[in-house]
Amino acid sequence: MEPYNFWQDLFDTYQSLSDWMKFAWLIVPPAFVLGLVAIVLHFRMAGARK
């Protein structure tokens, strides 16, 4: 029995996705992080003005 390799399974799954899903898989997480940082900075600056 072969040992399970998480990374090999993840990359194999990624390669089998359609092109638009690959694009979404690469774009959505960084966009989410940037949006979250923007929201946090917005409320920090708004709180500092009070």
N, C-alpha and C. Protein backbone atom coordinates (compact mmCIF):
# COMPACT_ATOMS: atom_id res chain seq x y z
N MET A 1 0.84 -1.18 0.00
CA MET A 1 0.00 0.00 0.00
C MET A 1 0.89 1.25 0.00
N GLU A 2 0.59 2.17 -0.91
CA GLU A 2 1.38 3.40 -1.00
C GLU A 2 0.96 4.38 0.09
N PRO A 3 1.92 5.13 0.62
CA PRO A 3 1.56 6.16 1.60
C PRO A 3 0.83 7.31 0.91
N TYR A 4 -0.09 7.92 1.63
CA TYR A 4 -0.88 9.03 1.09
C TYR A 4 -0.04 10.29 1.06
N ASN A 5 -0.06 10.99 -0.08
CA ASN A 5 0.67 12.24 -0.22
C ASN A 5 -0.35 13.35 -0.50
N PHE A 6 -0.53 14.24 0.47
CA PHE A 6 -1.51 15.32 0.35
C PHE A 6 -1.20 16.23 -0.83
N TRP A 7 0.06 16.64 -0.98
CA TRP A 7 0.43 17.58 -2.03
C TRP A 7 0.23 17.00 -3.42
N GLN A 8 0.56 15.75 -3.59
CA GLN A 8 0.36 15.10 -4.88
C GLN A 8 -1.13 15.05 -5.22
N ASP A 9 -1.95 14.74 -4.25
CA ASP A 9 -3.39 14.70 -4.45
C ASP A 9 -3.94 16.09 -4.77
N LEU A 10 -3.47 17.11 -4.06
CA LEU A 10 -3.92 18.48 -4.28
C LEU A 10 -3.56 18.94 -5.69
N PHE A 11 -2.32 18.73 -6.11
CA PHE A 11 -1.90 19.17 -7.44
C PHE A 11 -2.56 18.37 -8.55
N ASP A 12 -2.83 17.10 -8.31
CA ASP A 12 -3.54 16.29 -9.29
C ASP A 12 -4.97 16.79 -9.46
N THR A 13 -5.61 17.16 -8.36
CA THR A 13 -6.96 17.72 -8.41
C THR A 13 -6.95 19.05 -9.14
N TYR A 14 -5.95 19.89 -8.86
CA TYR A 14 -5.84 21.20 -9.52
C TYR A 14 -5.69 21.03 -11.03
N GLN A 15 -4.88 20.08 -11.46
CA GLN A 15 -4.66 19.88 -12.89
C GLN A 15 -5.92 19.40 -13.60
N SER A 16 -6.80 18.73 -12.89
CA SER A 16 -8.01 18.20 -13.53
C SER A 16 -9.14 19.24 -13.58
N LEU A 17 -8.96 20.41 -12.99
CA LEU A 17 -10.00 21.44 -13.02
C LEU A 17 -10.08 22.08 -14.39
N SER A 18 -11.22 22.68 -14.69
CA SER A 18 -11.36 23.44 -15.93
C SER A 18 -10.55 24.74 -15.80
N ASP A 19 -10.30 25.37 -16.94
CA ASP A 19 -9.45 26.57 -16.94
C ASP A 19 -10.04 27.71 -16.12
N TRP A 20 -11.37 27.90 -16.19
CA TRP A 20 -11.95 29.00 -15.43
C TRP A 20 -11.92 28.73 -13.93
N MET A 21 -11.98 27.46 -13.54
CA MET A 21 -11.87 27.12 -12.12
C MET A 21 -10.43 27.31 -11.63
N LYS A 22 -9.46 27.02 -12.48
CA LYS A 22 -8.06 27.28 -12.11
C LYS A 22 -7.86 28.77 -11.89
N PHE A 23 -8.44 29.58 -12.78
CA PHE A 23 -8.34 31.03 -12.64
C PHE A 23 -8.96 31.50 -11.33
N ALA A 24 -10.16 31.00 -11.03
CA ALA A 24 -10.84 31.38 -9.79
C ALA A 24 -10.06 30.91 -8.57
N TRP A 25 -9.48 29.71 -8.65
CA TRP A 25 -8.72 29.15 -7.53
C TRP A 25 -7.49 29.99 -7.23
N LEU A 26 -6.93 30.63 -8.24
CA LEU A 26 -5.74 31.47 -8.04
C LEU A 26 -6.08 32.90 -7.67
N ILE A 27 -7.23 33.42 -8.11
CA ILE A 27 -7.58 34.83 -7.91
C ILE A 27 -8.40 35.08 -6.65
N VAL A 28 -9.31 34.21 -6.31
CA VAL A 28 -10.24 34.46 -5.20
C VAL A 28 -9.53 34.57 -3.84
N PRO A 29 -8.62 33.66 -3.46
CA PRO A 29 -8.00 33.82 -2.14
C PRO A 29 -7.21 35.12 -1.95
N PRO A 30 -6.35 35.54 -2.92
CA PRO A 30 -5.67 36.83 -2.72
C PRO A 30 -6.64 38.01 -2.72
N ALA A 31 -7.69 37.96 -3.54
CA ALA A 31 -8.68 39.04 -3.54
C ALA A 31 -9.40 39.11 -2.20
N PHE A 32 -9.70 37.98 -1.60
CA PHE A 32 -10.34 37.95 -0.29
C PHE A 32 -9.43 38.58 0.76
N VAL A 33 -8.16 38.22 0.75
CA VAL A 33 -7.21 38.76 1.73
C VAL A 33 -7.05 40.27 1.55
N LEU A 34 -6.92 40.72 0.30
CA LEU A 34 -6.80 42.17 0.06
C LEU A 34 -8.05 42.92 0.50
N GLY A 35 -9.22 42.35 0.23
CA GLY A 35 -10.46 42.98 0.67
C GLY A 35 -10.56 43.05 2.19
N LEU A 36 -10.14 41.98 2.85
CA LEU A 36 -10.17 41.96 4.31
C LEU A 36 -9.21 43.00 4.89
N VAL A 37 -8.03 43.12 4.31
CA VAL A 37 -7.07 44.14 4.77
C VAL A 37 -7.63 45.54 4.55
N ALA A 38 -8.28 45.77 3.41
CA ALA A 38 -8.86 47.08 3.13
C ALA A 38 -9.95 47.43 4.14
N ILE A 39 -10.79 46.46 4.47
CA ILE A 39 -11.86 46.70 5.45
C ILE A 39 -11.28 47.01 6.82
N VAL A 40 -10.28 46.23 7.25
CA VAL A 40 -9.67 46.45 8.56
C VAL A 40 -9.01 47.83 8.61
N LEU A 41 -8.27 48.19 7.58
CA LEU A 41 -7.62 49.51 7.57
C LEU A 41 -8.64 50.63 7.54
N HIS A 42 -9.73 50.45 6.82
CA HIS A 42 -10.77 51.48 6.76
C HIS A 42 -11.36 51.74 8.15
N PHE A 43 -11.68 50.67 8.87
CA PHE A 43 -12.29 50.85 10.19
C PHE A 43 -11.27 51.33 11.23
N ARG A 44 -10.01 50.97 11.06
CA ARG A 44 -8.99 51.49 11.98
C ARG A 44 -8.82 52.99 11.80
N MET A 45 -8.80 53.42 10.54
CA MET A 45 -8.66 54.86 10.29
C MET A 45 -9.90 55.63 10.73
N ALA A 46 -11.08 55.04 10.55
CA ALA A 46 -12.32 55.69 10.98
C ALA A 46 -12.36 55.79 12.50
N GLY A 47 -11.86 54.76 13.19
CA GLY A 47 -11.82 54.79 14.65
C GLY A 47 -10.81 55.79 15.18
N ALA A 48 -9.73 56.01 14.46
CA ALA A 48 -8.70 56.95 14.90
C ALA A 48 -9.18 58.39 14.74
N ARG A 49 -10.11 58.63 13.82
CA ARG A 49 -10.60 60.00 13.60
C ARG A 49 -11.55 60.44 14.70
N LYS A 50 -12.15 59.52 15.42
CA LYS A 50 -13.15 59.89 16.44
C LYS A 50 -12.52 60.44 17.67
